[in-house]
Amino acid sequence: MIKLRKHLQWHNYPNRFNDSNAKQFYLQSRKMINQLKNICVIIFTVLLIESVSIALGWGSGFGIWSLPITILAVGIPLIVGIMKQRKIK
Protein backbone atom coordinates (compact mmCIF):
# COMPACT_ATOMS: atom_id res chain seq x y z
CA MET A 1 0.00 0.00 0.00
CA ILE A 2 2.95 2.31 0.55
CA LYS A 3 3.98 1.86 -3.09
CA LEU A 4 0.44 2.67 -4.25
CA ARG A 5 0.35 5.77 -2.10
CA LYS A 6 3.68 7.04 -3.46
CA HIS A 7 2.86 6.32 -7.12
CA LEU A 8 -0.55 7.88 -7.66
CA GLN A 9 -0.16 7.75 -11.42
CA TRP A 10 -0.52 3.92 -11.24
CA HIS A 11 -4.15 4.21 -10.13
CA ASN A 12 -7.03 3.74 -12.51
CA TYR A 13 -8.74 7.08 -13.19
CA PRO A 14 -11.81 7.88 -15.31
CA ASN A 15 -11.63 9.42 -18.79
CA ARG A 16 -12.44 12.89 -17.45
CA PHE A 17 -9.04 12.99 -15.69
CA ASN A 18 -7.02 16.00 -16.93
CA ASP A 19 -4.49 18.56 -15.70
CA SER A 20 -7.13 20.80 -14.10
CA ASN A 21 -8.58 18.10 -11.82
CA ALA A 22 -5.51 15.90 -11.33
CA LYS A 23 -4.76 17.38 -7.90
CA GLN A 24 -8.27 16.52 -6.65
CA PHE A 25 -8.07 12.95 -7.98
CA TYR A 26 -4.62 12.43 -6.47
CA LEU A 27 -5.72 13.80 -3.10
CA GLN A 28 -8.81 11.60 -3.01
CA SER A 29 -6.84 8.50 -4.03
CA ARG A 30 -4.19 9.17 -1.40
CA LYS A 31 -6.85 9.59 1.31
CA MET A 32 -8.60 6.36 0.30
CA ILE A 33 -5.35 4.35 0.28
CA ASN A 34 -4.42 5.80 3.68
CA GLN A 35 -7.80 4.83 5.16
CA LEU A 36 -7.53 1.29 3.77
CA LYS A 37 -4.00 0.95 5.12
CA ASN A 38 -5.12 2.03 8.59
CA ILE A 39 -8.11 -0.33 8.52
CA CYS A 40 -5.84 -3.23 7.51
CA VAL A 41 -3.51 -2.45 10.43
CA ILE A 42 -6.49 -2.43 12.82
CA ILE A 43 -7.85 -5.71 11.41
CA PHE A 44 -4.48 -7.46 11.75
CA THR A 45 -4.09 -6.11 15.29
CA VAL A 46 -7.50 -7.44 16.27
CA LEU A 47 -6.71 -10.82 14.70
CA LEU A 48 -3.44 -10.99 16.62
CA ILE A 49 -5.16 -10.15 19.90
CA GLU A 50 -7.82 -12.77 19.14
CA SER A 51 -5.18 -15.42 18.40
CA VAL A 52 -3.28 -14.68 21.59
CA SER A 53 -6.44 -14.71 23.73
CA ILE A 54 -7.48 -18.07 22.27
CA ALA A 55 -3.99 -19.48 22.87
CA LEU A 56 -4.06 -18.34 26.49
CA GLY A 57 -7.56 -19.74 27.00
CA TRP A 58 -9.16 -16.37 27.70
CA GLY A 59 -11.80 -16.55 24.99
CA SER A 60 -13.24 -18.53 22.15
CA GLY A 61 -12.89 -16.01 19.33
CA PHE A 62 -15.18 -13.53 17.65
CA GLY A 63 -17.39 -16.08 16.00
CA ILE A 64 -19.67 -15.45 13.08
CA TRP A 65 -19.49 -11.63 13.12
CA SER A 66 -15.79 -11.26 12.31
CA LEU A 67 -16.04 -11.79 8.54
CA PRO A 68 -19.03 -9.45 7.88
CA ILE A 69 -17.46 -6.72 10.03
CA THR A 70 -14.17 -7.08 8.15
CA ILE A 71 -15.89 -6.90 4.76
CA LEU A 72 -17.84 -3.82 5.82
CA ALA A 73 -14.75 -2.17 7.31
CA VAL A 74 -12.91 -2.50 4.00
CA GLY A 75 -15.89 -1.98 1.69
CA ILE A 76 -17.33 1.21 3.15
CA PRO A 77 -14.21 3.40 2.60
CA LEU A 78 -13.92 2.05 -0.94
CA ILE A 79 -17.52 2.91 -1.76
CA VAL A 80 -17.26 6.35 -0.13
CA GLY A 81 -14.01 7.06 -2.00
CA ILE A 82 -15.50 6.05 -5.33
CA MET A 83 -18.56 8.21 -4.71
CA LYS A 84 -16.34 11.21 -3.88
CA GLN A 85 -14.34 10.66 -7.08
CA ARG A 86 -17.55 10.61 -9.09
CA LYS A 87 -18.30 14.15 -7.85
CA ILE A 88 -14.99 15.52 -9.17
CA LYS A 89 -15.51 17.35 -12.48
PDB file of N, CA and C in Angstrom:
ATOM      1  N   MET A   1       0.819  -1.191   0.000  1.00  0.00           N
ATOM      2  CA  MET A   1       0.000   0.000   0.000  1.00  0.00           C
ATOM      3  C   MET A   1       0.866   1.259   0.000  1.00  0.00           C
ATOM      4  N   ILE A   2       2.056   1.155   0.552  1.00  0.00           N
ATOM      5  CA  ILE A   2       2.951   2.313   0.548  1.00  0.00           C
ATOM      6  C   ILE A   2       3.361   2.652  -0.881  1.00  0.00           C
ATOM      7  N   LYS A   3       3.626   1.626  -1.692  1.00  0.00           N
ATOM      8  CA  LYS A   3       3.982   1.861  -3.092  1.00  0.00           C
ATOM      9  C   LYS A   3       2.828   2.519  -3.847  1.00  0.00           C
ATOM     10  N   LEU A   4       1.598   2.068  -3.596  1.00  0.00           N
ATOM     11  CA  LEU A   4       0.442   2.666  -4.254  1.00  0.00           C
ATOM     12  C   LEU A   4       0.247   4.116  -3.841  1.00  0.00           C
ATOM     13  N   ARG A   5       0.523   4.395  -2.591  1.00  0.00           N
ATOM     14  CA  ARG A   5       0.349   5.770  -2.102  1.00  0.00           C
ATOM     15  C   ARG A   5       1.402   6.709  -2.684  1.00  0.00           C
ATOM     16  N   LYS A   6       2.614   6.196  -2.925  1.00  0.00           N
ATOM     17  CA  LYS A   6       3.676   7.040  -3.463  1.00  0.00           C
ATOM     18  C   LYS A   6       3.570   7.219  -4.974  1.00  0.00           C
ATOM     19  N   HIS A   7       2.967   6.255  -5.656  1.00  0.00           N
ATOM     20  CA  HIS A   7       2.859   6.318  -7.118  1.00  0.00           C
ATOM     21  C   HIS A   7       1.394   6.444  -7.511  1.00  0.00           C
ATOM     22  N   LEU A   8       0.863   7.635  -7.377  1.00  0.00           N
ATOM     23  CA  LEU A   8      -0.548   7.877  -7.656  1.00  0.00           C
ATOM     24  C   LEU A   8      -0.881   7.743  -9.136  1.00  0.00           C
ATOM     25  N   GLN A   9       0.103   7.865  -9.990  1.00  0.00           N
ATOM     26  CA  GLN A   9      -0.158   7.748 -11.417  1.00  0.00           C
ATOM     27  C   GLN A   9      -0.468   6.304 -11.819  1.00  0.00           C
ATOM     28  N   TRP A  10      -0.211   5.320 -10.956  1.00  0.00           N
ATOM     29  CA  TRP A  10      -0.517   3.923 -11.243  1.00  0.00           C
ATOM     30  C   TRP A  10      -1.999   3.609 -11.068  1.00  0.00           C
ATOM     31  N   HIS A  11      -2.737   4.473 -10.402  1.00  0.00           N
ATOM     32  CA  HIS A  11      -4.150   4.210 -10.134  1.00  0.00           C
ATOM     33  C   HIS A  11      -4.960   4.306 -11.413  1.00  0.00           C
ATOM     34  N   ASN A  12      -6.131   3.712 -11.365  1.00  0.00           N
ATOM     35  CA  ASN A  12      -7.031   3.737 -12.507  1.00  0.00           C
ATOM     36  C   ASN A  12      -7.988   4.914 -12.342  1.00  0.00           C
ATOM     37  N   TYR A  13      -7.916   5.880 -13.254  1.00  0.00           N
ATOM     38  CA  TYR A  13      -8.742   7.076 -13.187  1.00  0.00           C
ATOM     39  C   TYR A  13      -9.723   7.094 -14.352  1.00  0.00           C
ATOM     40  N   PRO A  14     -10.842   7.818 -14.209  1.00  0.00           N
ATOM     41  CA  PRO A  14     -11.815   7.883 -15.311  1.00  0.00           C
ATOM     42  C   PRO A  14     -11.299   8.726 -16.483  1.00  0.00           C
ATOM     43  N   ASN A  15     -12.039   8.692 -17.577  1.00  0.00           N
ATOM     44  CA  ASN A  15     -11.634   9.421 -18.788  1.00  0.00           C
ATOM     45  C   ASN A  15     -11.627  10.928 -18.599  1.00  0.00           C
ATOM     46  N   ARG A  16     -12.371  11.444 -17.656  1.00  0.00           N
ATOM     47  CA  ARG A  16     -12.436  12.894 -17.453  1.00  0.00           C
ATOM     48  C   ARG A  16     -11.219  13.429 -16.688  1.00  0.00           C
ATOM     49  N   PHE A  17     -10.271  12.597 -16.371  1.00  0.00           N
ATOM     50  CA  PHE A  17      -9.035  12.987 -15.689  1.00  0.00           C
ATOM     51  C   PHE A  17      -8.212  13.877 -16.621  1.00  0.00           C
ATOM     52  N   ASN A  18      -7.857  15.088 -16.159  1.00  0.00           N
ATOM     53  CA  ASN A  18      -7.018  16.000 -16.932  1.00  0.00           C
ATOM     54  C   ASN A  18      -6.156  16.825 -15.981  1.00  0.00           C
ATOM     55  N   ASP A  19      -5.411  17.767 -16.527  1.00  0.00           N
ATOM     56  CA  ASP A  19      -4.490  18.564 -15.705  1.00  0.00           C
ATOM     57  C   ASP A  19      -5.211  19.452 -14.699  1.00  0.00           C
ATOM     58  N   SER A  20      -6.424  19.882 -15.010  1.00  0.00           N
ATOM     59  CA  SER A  20      -7.130  20.795 -14.105  1.00  0.00           C
ATOM     60  C   SER A  20      -7.692  20.087 -12.874  1.00  0.00           C
ATOM     61  N   ASN A  21      -8.023  18.803 -12.977  1.00  0.00           N
ATOM     62  CA  ASN A  21      -8.585  18.099 -11.821  1.00  0.00           C
ATOM     63  C   ASN A  21      -7.664  16.999 -11.287  1.00  0.00           C
ATOM     64  N   ALA A  22      -6.440  16.945 -11.768  1.00  0.00           N
ATOM     65  CA  ALA A  22      -5.507  15.904 -11.328  1.00  0.00           C
ATOM     66  C   ALA A  22      -5.215  15.999  -9.832  1.00  0.00           C
ATOM     67  N   LYS A  23      -5.071  17.200  -9.325  1.00  0.00           N
ATOM     68  CA  LYS A  23      -4.764  17.376  -7.903  1.00  0.00           C
ATOM     69  C   LYS A  23      -5.884  16.819  -7.031  1.00  0.00           C
ATOM     70  N   GLN A  24      -7.134  17.037  -7.425  1.00  0.00           N
ATOM     71  CA  GLN A  24      -8.271  16.520  -6.653  1.00  0.00           C
ATOM     72  C   GLN A  24      -8.311  14.993  -6.686  1.00  0.00           C
ATOM     73  N   PHE A  25      -8.085  14.407  -7.867  1.00  0.00           N
ATOM     74  CA  PHE A  25      -8.071  12.950  -7.976  1.00  0.00           C
ATOM     75  C   PHE A  25      -6.938  12.344  -7.152  1.00  0.00           C
ATOM     76  N   TYR A  26      -5.758  12.940  -7.234  1.00  0.00           N
ATOM     77  CA  TYR A  26      -4.622  12.434  -6.473  1.00  0.00           C
ATOM     78  C   TYR A  26      -4.865  12.526  -4.967  1.00  0.00           C
ATOM     79  N   LEU A  27      -5.436  13.635  -4.524  1.00  0.00           N
ATOM     80  CA  LEU A  27      -5.715  13.802  -3.101  1.00  0.00           C
ATOM     81  C   LEU A  27      -6.731  12.769  -2.624  1.00  0.00           C
ATOM     82  N   GLN A  28      -7.787  12.571  -3.393  1.00  0.00           N
ATOM     83  CA  GLN A  28      -8.810  11.597  -3.009  1.00  0.00           C
ATOM     84  C   GLN A  28      -8.250  10.178  -3.002  1.00  0.00           C
ATOM     85  N   SER A  29      -7.438   9.836  -3.987  1.00  0.00           N
ATOM     86  CA  SER A  29      -6.838   8.504  -4.029  1.00  0.00           C
ATOM     87  C   SER A  29      -5.899   8.279  -2.849  1.00  0.00           C
ATOM     88  N   ARG A  30      -5.118   9.298  -2.528  1.00  0.00           N
ATOM     89  CA  ARG A  30      -4.194   9.171  -1.399  1.00  0.00           C
ATOM     90  C   ARG A  30      -4.941   9.001  -0.082  1.00  0.00           C
ATOM     91  N   LYS A  31      -6.041   9.726   0.090  1.00  0.00           N
ATOM     92  CA  LYS A  31      -6.847   9.587   1.309  1.00  0.00           C
ATOM     93  C   LYS A  31      -7.461   8.191   1.408  1.00  0.00           C
ATOM     94  N   MET A  32      -7.964   7.677   0.287  1.00  0.00           N
ATOM     95  CA  MET A  32      -8.597   6.365   0.302  1.00  0.00           C
ATOM     96  C   MET A  32      -7.568   5.262   0.604  1.00  0.00           C
ATOM     97  N   ILE A  33      -6.397   5.343   0.012  1.00  0.00           N
ATOM     98  CA  ILE A  33      -5.347   4.354   0.279  1.00  0.00           C
ATOM     99  C   ILE A  33      -4.912   4.435   1.736  1.00  0.00           C
ATOM    100  N   ASN A  34      -4.809   5.635   2.285  1.00  0.00           N
ATOM    101  CA  ASN A  34      -4.418   5.803   3.684  1.00  0.00           C
ATOM    102  C   ASN A  34      -5.463   5.197   4.627  1.00  0.00           C
ATOM    103  N   GLN A  35      -6.741   5.419   4.337  1.00  0.00           N
ATOM    104  CA  GLN A  35      -7.802   4.833   5.156  1.00  0.00           C
ATOM    105  C   GLN A  35      -7.761   3.311   5.100  1.00  0.00           C
ATOM    106  N   LEU A  36      -7.582   2.750   3.907  1.00  0.00           N
ATOM    107  CA  LEU A  36      -7.530   1.293   3.770  1.00  0.00           C
ATOM    108  C   LEU A  36      -6.316   0.710   4.493  1.00  0.00           C
ATOM    109  N   LYS A  37      -5.195   1.410   4.422  1.00  0.00           N
ATOM    110  CA  LYS A  37      -3.996   0.948   5.117  1.00  0.00           C
ATOM    111  C   LYS A  37      -4.221   0.932   6.626  1.00  0.00           C
ATOM    112  N   ASN A  38      -4.845   1.981   7.160  1.00  0.00           N
ATOM    113  CA  ASN A  38      -5.121   2.034   8.594  1.00  0.00           C
ATOM    114  C   ASN A  38      -6.118   0.957   9.016  1.00  0.00           C
ATOM    115  N   ILE A  39      -7.131   0.710   8.201  1.00  0.00           N
ATOM    116  CA  ILE A  39      -8.106  -0.335   8.515  1.00  0.00           C
ATOM    117  C   ILE A  39      -7.445  -1.705   8.502  1.00  0.00           C
ATOM    118  N   CYS A  40      -6.550  -1.944   7.549  1.00  0.00           N
ATOM    119  CA  CYS A  40      -5.836  -3.230   7.514  1.00  0.00           C
ATOM    120  C   CYS A  40      -4.968  -3.421   8.752  1.00  0.00           C
ATOM    121  N   VAL A  41      -4.318  -2.356   9.201  1.00  0.00           N
ATOM    122  CA  VAL A  41      -3.513  -2.454  10.426  1.00  0.00           C
ATOM    123  C   VAL A  41      -4.403  -2.786  11.620  1.00  0.00           C
ATOM    124  N   ILE A  42      -5.561  -2.157  11.717  1.00  0.00           N
ATOM    125  CA  ILE A  42      -6.488  -2.426  12.824  1.00  0.00           C
ATOM    126  C   ILE A  42      -6.997  -3.861  12.757  1.00  0.00           C
ATOM    127  N   ILE A  43      -7.343  -4.337  11.568  1.00  0.00           N
ATOM    128  CA  ILE A  43      -7.845  -5.709  11.414  1.00  0.00           C
ATOM    129  C   ILE A  43      -6.782  -6.720  11.824  1.00  0.00           C
ATOM    130  N   PHE A  44      -5.541  -6.521  11.370  1.00  0.00           N
ATOM    131  CA  PHE A  44      -4.482  -7.456  11.745  1.00  0.00           C
ATOM    132  C   PHE A  44      -4.173  -7.398  13.238  1.00  0.00           C
ATOM    133  N   THR A  45      -4.283  -6.229  13.838  1.00  0.00           N
ATOM    134  CA  THR A  45      -4.086  -6.112  15.287  1.00  0.00           C
ATOM    135  C   THR A  45      -5.160  -6.867  16.049  1.00  0.00           C
ATOM    136  N   VAL A  46      -6.399  -6.726  15.618  1.00  0.00           N
ATOM    137  CA  VAL A  46      -7.500  -7.435  16.275  1.00  0.00           C
ATOM    138  C   VAL A  46      -7.347  -8.947  16.102  1.00  0.00           C
ATOM    139  N   LEU A  47      -6.931  -9.387  14.919  1.00  0.00           N
ATOM    140  CA  LEU A  47      -6.706 -10.821  14.696  1.00  0.00           C
ATOM    141  C   LEU A  47      -5.580 -11.359  15.573  1.00  0.00           C
ATOM    142  N   LEU A  48      -4.535 -10.567  15.749  1.00  0.00           N
ATOM    143  CA  LEU A  48      -3.435 -10.987  16.616  1.00  0.00           C
ATOM    144  C   LEU A  48      -3.892 -11.100  18.065  1.00  0.00           C
ATOM    145  N   ILE A  49      -4.643 -10.110  18.523  1.00  0.00           N
ATOM    146  CA  ILE A  49      -5.163 -10.153  19.897  1.00  0.00           C
ATOM    147  C   ILE A  49      -6.088 -11.345  20.081  1.00  0.00           C
ATOM    148  N   GLU A  50      -6.921 -11.625  19.067  1.00  0.00           N
ATOM    149  CA  GLU A  50      -7.824 -12.768  19.141  1.00  0.00           C
ATOM    150  C   GLU A  50      -7.045 -14.079  19.200  1.00  0.00           C
ATOM    151  N   SER A  51      -5.999 -14.206  18.398  1.00  0.00           N
ATOM    152  CA  SER A  51      -5.184 -15.421  18.398  1.00  0.00           C
ATOM    153  C   SER A  51      -4.494 -15.638  19.742  1.00  0.00           C
ATOM    154  N   VAL A  52      -3.963 -14.569  20.305  1.00  0.00           N
ATOM    155  CA  VAL A  52      -3.285 -14.683  21.595  1.00  0.00           C
ATOM    156  C   VAL A  52      -4.268 -15.027  22.704  1.00  0.00           C
ATOM    157  N   SER A  53      -5.455 -14.413  22.679  1.00  0.00           N
ATOM    158  CA  SER A  53      -6.437 -14.706  23.727  1.00  0.00           C
ATOM    159  C   SER A  53      -6.947 -16.145  23.627  1.00  0.00           C
ATOM    160  N   ILE A  54      -7.081 -16.665  22.429  1.00  0.00           N
ATOM    161  CA  ILE A  54      -7.481 -18.071  22.273  1.00  0.00           C
ATOM    162  C   ILE A  54      -6.371 -18.985  22.765  1.00  0.00           C
ATOM    163  N   ALA A  55      -5.124 -18.652  22.447  1.00  0.00           N
ATOM    164  CA  ALA A  55      -3.995 -19.480  22.870  1.00  0.00           C
ATOM    165  C   ALA A  55      -3.843 -19.500  24.388  1.00  0.00           C
ATOM    166  N   LEU A  56      -4.158 -18.396  25.037  1.00  0.00           N
ATOM    167  CA  LEU A  56      -4.057 -18.335  26.489  1.00  0.00           C
ATOM    168  C   LEU A  56      -5.295 -18.873  27.188  1.00  0.00           C
ATOM    169  N   GLY A  57      -6.334 -19.189  26.425  1.00  0.00           N
ATOM    170  CA  GLY A  57      -7.557 -19.741  27.002  1.00  0.00           C
ATOM    171  C   GLY A  57      -8.487 -18.696  27.579  1.00  0.00           C
ATOM    172  N   TRP A  58      -8.326 -17.446  27.166  1.00  0.00           N
ATOM    173  CA  TRP A  58      -9.158 -16.367  27.696  1.00  0.00           C
ATOM    174  C   TRP A  58     -10.486 -16.238  26.976  1.00  0.00           C
ATOM    175  N   GLY A  59     -10.575 -16.699  25.754  1.00  0.00           N
ATOM    176  CA  GLY A  59     -11.804 -16.545  24.992  1.00  0.00           C
ATOM    177  C   GLY A  59     -11.906 -17.594  23.910  1.00  0.00           C
ATOM    178  N   SER A  60     -13.014 -17.541  23.200  1.00  0.00           N
ATOM    179  CA  SER A  60     -13.238 -18.532  22.153  1.00  0.00           C
ATOM    180  C   SER A  60     -13.283 -17.898  20.764  1.00  0.00           C
ATOM    181  N   GLY A  61     -12.909 -16.667  20.627  1.00  0.00           N
ATOM    182  CA  GLY A  61     -12.890 -16.015  19.326  1.00  0.00           C
ATOM    183  C   GLY A  61     -14.093 -15.117  19.113  1.00  0.00           C
ATOM    184  N   PHE A  62     -14.113 -14.463  17.963  1.00  0.00           N
ATOM    185  CA  PHE A  62     -15.180 -13.528  17.648  1.00  0.00           C
ATOM    186  C   PHE A  62     -16.414 -14.210  17.093  1.00  0.00           C
ATOM    187  N   GLY A  63     -16.246 -15.362  16.520  1.00  0.00           N
ATOM    188  CA  GLY A  63     -17.394 -16.083  16.003  1.00  0.00           C
ATOM    189  C   GLY A  63     -17.814 -15.633  14.624  1.00  0.00           C
ATOM    190  N   ILE A  64     -19.108 -15.655  14.403  1.00  0.00           N
ATOM    191  CA  ILE A  64     -19.672 -15.449  13.077  1.00  0.00           C
ATOM    192  C   ILE A  64     -19.609 -13.994  12.607  1.00  0.00           C
ATOM    193  N   TRP A  65     -19.440 -13.037  13.486  1.00  0.00           N
ATOM    194  CA  TRP A  65     -19.486 -11.626  13.115  1.00  0.00           C
ATOM    195  C   TRP A  65     -18.165 -11.073  12.595  1.00  0.00           C
ATOM    196  N   SER A  66     -17.084 -11.811  12.704  1.00  0.00           N
ATOM    197  CA  SER A  66     -15.787 -11.260  12.309  1.00  0.00           C
ATOM    198  C   SER A  66     -15.675 -11.035  10.800  1.00  0.00           C
ATOM    199  N   LEU A  67     -16.142 -11.955   9.987  1.00  0.00           N
ATOM    200  CA  LEU A  67     -16.044 -11.787   8.536  1.00  0.00           C
ATOM    201  C   LEU A  67     -16.939 -10.664   8.012  1.00  0.00           C
ATOM    202  N   PRO A  68     -18.220 -10.579   8.382  1.00  0.00           N
ATOM    203  CA  PRO A  68     -19.026  -9.453   7.883  1.00  0.00           C
ATOM    204  C   PRO A  68     -18.505  -8.087   8.330  1.00  0.00           C
ATOM    205  N   ILE A  69     -18.010  -7.992   9.548  1.00  0.00           N
ATOM    206  CA  ILE A  69     -17.463  -6.721  10.030  1.00  0.00           C
ATOM    207  C   ILE A  69     -16.211  -6.354   9.241  1.00  0.00           C
ATOM    208  N   THR A  70     -15.371  -7.338   8.934  1.00  0.00           N
ATOM    209  CA  THR A  70     -14.168  -7.081   8.154  1.00  0.00           C
ATOM    210  C   THR A  70     -14.516  -6.628   6.738  1.00  0.00           C
ATOM    211  N   ILE A  71     -15.482  -7.286   6.120  1.00  0.00           N
ATOM    212  CA  ILE A  71     -15.886  -6.902   4.765  1.00  0.00           C
ATOM    213  C   ILE A  71     -16.465  -5.492   4.758  1.00  0.00           C
ATOM    214  N   LEU A  72     -17.286  -5.166   5.732  1.00  0.00           N
ATOM    215  CA  LEU A  72     -17.839  -3.817   5.820  1.00  0.00           C
ATOM    216  C   LEU A  72     -16.761  -2.773   6.097  1.00  0.00           C
ATOM    217  N   ALA A  73     -15.814  -3.114   6.958  1.00  0.00           N
ATOM    218  CA  ALA A  73     -14.747  -2.170   7.311  1.00  0.00           C
ATOM    219  C   ALA A  73     -13.885  -1.831   6.102  1.00  0.00           C
ATOM    220  N   VAL A  74     -13.702  -2.764   5.203  1.00  0.00           N
ATOM    221  CA  VAL A  74     -12.910  -2.499   4.005  1.00  0.00           C
ATOM    222  C   VAL A  74     -13.789  -1.931   2.889  1.00  0.00           C
ATOM    223  N   GLY A  75     -15.012  -2.387   2.784  1.00  0.00           N
ATOM    224  CA  GLY A  75     -15.889  -1.980   1.688  1.00  0.00           C
ATOM    225  C   GLY A  75     -16.417  -0.568   1.791  1.00  0.00           C
ATOM    226  N   ILE A  76     -16.742  -0.119   2.994  1.00  0.00           N
ATOM    227  CA  ILE A  76     -17.332   1.211   3.152  1.00  0.00           C
ATOM    228  C   ILE A  76     -16.376   2.331   2.705  1.00  0.00           C
ATOM    229  N   PRO A  77     -15.095   2.338   3.107  1.00  0.00           N
ATOM    230  CA  PRO A  77     -14.207   3.398   2.602  1.00  0.00           C
ATOM    231  C   PRO A  77     -14.015   3.347   1.085  1.00  0.00           C
ATOM    232  N   LEU A  78     -14.031   2.145   0.507  1.00  0.00           N
ATOM    233  CA  LEU A  78     -13.922   2.047  -0.945  1.00  0.00           C
ATOM    234  C   LEU A  78     -15.120   2.685  -1.638  1.00  0.00           C
ATOM    235  N   ILE A  79     -16.304   2.367  -1.156  1.00  0.00           N
ATOM    236  CA  ILE A  79     -17.518   2.913  -1.760  1.00  0.00           C
ATOM    237  C   ILE A  79     -17.586   4.428  -1.577  1.00  0.00           C
ATOM    238  N   VAL A  80     -17.250   4.901  -0.383  1.00  0.00           N
ATOM    239  CA  VAL A  80     -17.260   6.347  -0.130  1.00  0.00           C
ATOM    240  C   VAL A  80     -16.229   7.052  -1.009  1.00  0.00           C
ATOM    241  N   GLY A  81     -15.041   6.469  -1.150  1.00  0.00           N
ATOM    242  CA  GLY A  81     -14.007   7.065  -1.997  1.00  0.00           C
ATOM    243  C   GLY A  81     -14.410   7.117  -3.457  1.00  0.00           C
ATOM    244  N   ILE A  82     -15.038   6.069  -3.943  1.00  0.00           N
ATOM    245  CA  ILE A  82     -15.495   6.055  -5.330  1.00  0.00           C
ATOM    246  C   ILE A  82     -16.593   7.090  -5.546  1.00  0.00           C
ATOM    247  N   MET A  83     -17.493   7.210  -4.586  1.00  0.00           N
ATOM    248  CA  MET A  83     -18.562   8.208  -4.712  1.00  0.00           C
ATOM    249  C   MET A  83     -17.985   9.631  -4.707  1.00  0.00           C
ATOM    250  N   LYS A  84     -16.964   9.881  -3.894  1.00  0.00           N
ATOM    251  CA  LYS A  84     -16.344  11.206  -3.884  1.00  0.00           C
ATOM    252  C   LYS A  84     -15.619  11.490  -5.194  1.00  0.00           C
ATOM    253  N   GLN A  85     -15.007  10.458  -5.795  1.00  0.00           N
ATOM    254  CA  GLN A  85     -14.338  10.657  -7.079  1.00  0.00           C
ATOM    255  C   GLN A  85     -15.344  10.914  -8.186  1.00  0.00           C
ATOM    256  N   ARG A  86     -16.526  10.368  -8.073  1.00  0.00           N
ATOM    257  CA  ARG A  86     -17.546  10.611  -9.093  1.00  0.00           C
ATOM    258  C   ARG A  86     -18.010  12.066  -9.099  1.00  0.00           C
ATOM    259  N   LYS A  87     -17.879  12.752  -7.955  1.00  0.00           N
ATOM    260  CA  LYS A  87     -18.301  14.148  -7.853  1.00  0.00           C
ATOM    261  C   LYS A  87     -17.264  15.122  -8.426  1.00  0.00           C
ATOM    262  N   ILE A  88     -16.049  14.666  -8.623  1.00  0.00           N
ATOM    263  CA  ILE A  88     -14.994  15.522  -9.174  1.00  0.00           C
ATOM    264  C   ILE A  88     -15.280  15.751 -10.657  1.00  0.00           C
ATOM    265  N   LYS A  89     -15.236  17.002 -11.068  1.00  0.00           N
ATOM    266  CA  LYS A  89     -15.509  17.352 -12.478  1.00  0.00           C
ATOM    267  C   LYS A  89     -14.258  17.697 -13.220  1.00  0.00           C
TER     268      LYS A  89
END
